[in-house]
Structures are given as structure tokens and as C-alpha cells.
Amino acid sequence: PSRGLGDVYKRQIPHYPAEEALKAELDRLPHKIVLNVNEVAKEVGFRVANIVLLGATIPFLGIDYQKVQDSIRDIFQRKGEAIVELNLKALVAGKEIAENLM
């Protein structure tokens, strides 16, 4: 089963707010997307949720996409081309989802 928005943090952080309270607070923000990075990561590959999330921030933060791609290559090159490509795929997945939800 898929974990809810705050299930992991409820175990780690005392008095973590209920999922409904988190969603209500997010709904008050003018610019937002809600993205289940764990679900996207499962579609893209293993253990890349953080890179999906990084990709989703690109349209909001105005980060140079090519520089982020180059950084991904630099960071993961020692792990091999398959890991580099997996992370680049996760990056673009997050970016495209964010762009489509804006």
C-alpha cells in the first residue's frame, strides 16, 4: 500500500500534523504542485525519489536545466552509465510532471 503524505514523518517527528492539515495548508499556497515522488520513482526506477523531486523544482526555481543535468552526470558517473541514465530519467520525469501541473 502507498504511504500517505506524512506517514513516514509521523514515526520520526513527534506531533507531526495530520495529512488533512498538511493538505489544507498546501491548498493555501498560491504556487504549488502535489506530487507523489515515491510513485513516480517506482515508475522510473529504484531509489530516485529525491531526483524526481529535484526535477519538479526546476520550473519553480528557474534553475538552468542543462547545469542540473551536467551535475547529475558528474555526481553519478562513478556509479556507471546505467545509474546516470536512471537519474536523468527521474529528473526529466519530475520536471515534466511539474510543468504539466502548472
Protein backbone atom coordinates (compact mmCIF):
# COMPACT_ATOMS: atom_id res chain seq x y z
CA PRO A 1 0.00 0.00 0.00
CA SER A 2 1.09 3.54 -0.71
CA ARG A 3 2.09 5.66 2.25
CA GLY A 4 0.25 8.88 2.93
CA LEU A 5 1.81 12.30 2.82
CA GLY A 6 3.09 12.24 6.38
CA ASP A 7 3.21 8.57 7.36
CA VAL A 8 7.00 8.33 7.46
CA TYR A 9 7.42 11.56 9.38
CA LYS A 10 4.76 10.70 11.95
CA ARG A 11 7.06 7.99 13.23
CA GLN A 12 10.13 10.26 13.24
CA ILE A 13 8.76 13.63 14.37
CA PRO A 14 6.59 14.00 17.47
CA HIS A 15 3.32 15.89 16.92
CA TYR A 16 3.58 15.68 13.12
CA PRO A 17 0.35 17.17 11.68
CA ALA A 18 -2.37 15.01 10.17
CA GLU A 19 -2.40 14.54 6.39
CA GLU A 20 -5.60 16.59 6.09
CA ALA A 21 -3.97 19.51 7.93
CA LEU A 22 -0.94 19.35 5.64
CA LYS A 23 -3.12 19.30 2.54
CA ALA A 24 -5.19 22.24 3.84
CA GLU A 25 -2.02 24.25 4.43
CA LEU A 26 -0.72 23.41 0.95
CA ASP A 27 -4.06 24.45 -0.58
CA ARG A 28 -3.50 27.95 0.81
CA LEU A 29 -0.28 28.40 -1.18
CA PRO A 30 -0.62 30.27 -4.49
CA HIS A 31 2.01 28.26 -6.43
CA LYS A 32 2.26 24.59 -5.73
CA ILE A 33 2.03 21.13 -7.09
CA VAL A 34 1.39 17.97 -5.12
CA LEU A 35 3.48 15.15 -6.42
CA ASN A 36 3.90 11.65 -5.02
CA VAL A 37 7.60 11.30 -5.81
CA ASN A 38 7.66 7.74 -4.48
CA GLU A 39 5.08 6.65 -7.06
CA VAL A 40 6.94 8.39 -9.88
CA ALA A 41 10.22 6.87 -8.67
CA LYS A 42 8.67 3.40 -8.82
CA GLU A 43 7.76 4.02 -12.46
CA VAL A 44 11.20 5.40 -13.33
CA GLY A 45 13.43 3.15 -11.29
CA PHE A 46 14.79 2.26 -7.91
CA ARG A 47 15.69 4.87 -5.24
CA VAL A 48 15.38 8.04 -7.28
CA ALA A 49 12.55 9.87 -5.47
CA ASN A 50 14.91 12.67 -4.45
CA ILE A 51 15.90 13.24 -8.09
CA VAL A 52 12.23 13.26 -9.17
CA LEU A 53 11.66 15.95 -6.55
CA LEU A 54 14.69 17.91 -7.77
CA GLY A 55 13.30 17.81 -11.31
CA ALA A 56 9.93 19.06 -10.09
CA THR A 57 11.59 22.14 -8.55
CA ILE A 58 13.23 23.27 -11.78
CA PRO A 59 10.22 25.11 -13.29
CA PHE A 60 9.60 26.90 -9.99
CA LEU A 61 13.15 27.91 -9.13
CA GLY A 62 14.38 28.90 -12.58
CA ILE A 63 17.37 26.59 -12.30
CA ASP A 64 19.33 26.05 -15.51
CA TYR A 65 18.19 22.57 -16.55
CA GLN A 66 21.37 21.82 -18.51
CA LYS A 67 23.50 22.61 -15.44
CA VAL A 68 21.42 20.25 -13.33
CA GLN A 69 21.78 17.51 -15.93
CA ASP A 70 25.55 18.09 -16.02
CA SER A 71 25.68 17.93 -12.23
CA ILE A 72 23.77 14.64 -12.22
CA ARG A 73 26.30 13.25 -14.69
CA ASP A 74 29.23 14.46 -12.57
CA ILE A 75 27.78 13.14 -9.31
CA PHE A 76 26.77 9.69 -10.56
CA GLN A 77 29.41 8.97 -13.24
CA ARG A 78 31.48 6.83 -10.85
CA LYS A 79 28.46 4.52 -10.45
CA GLY A 80 28.24 3.83 -14.17
CA GLU A 81 26.24 4.97 -17.17
CA ALA A 82 23.12 2.99 -16.22
CA ILE A 83 22.85 4.89 -12.89
CA VAL A 84 23.49 8.22 -14.65
CA GLU A 85 20.71 7.49 -17.15
CA LEU A 86 18.32 6.33 -14.43
CA ASN A 87 18.81 9.58 -12.52
CA LEU A 88 18.47 11.70 -15.66
CA LYS A 89 15.22 9.87 -16.44
CA ALA A 90 13.98 10.62 -12.91
CA LEU A 91 14.99 14.28 -13.29
CA VAL A 92 13.06 14.75 -16.52
CA ALA A 93 10.04 12.88 -15.12
CA GLY A 94 9.79 15.29 -12.19
CA LYS A 95 10.33 18.32 -14.40
CA GLU A 96 7.69 17.27 -16.93
CA ILE A 97 5.11 16.47 -14.26
CA ALA A 98 5.64 19.88 -12.66
CA GLU A 99 5.37 21.66 -15.99
CA ASN A 100 2.14 19.82 -16.80
CA LEU A 101 0.61 20.68 -13.43
CA MET A 102 1.47 24.38 -13.56
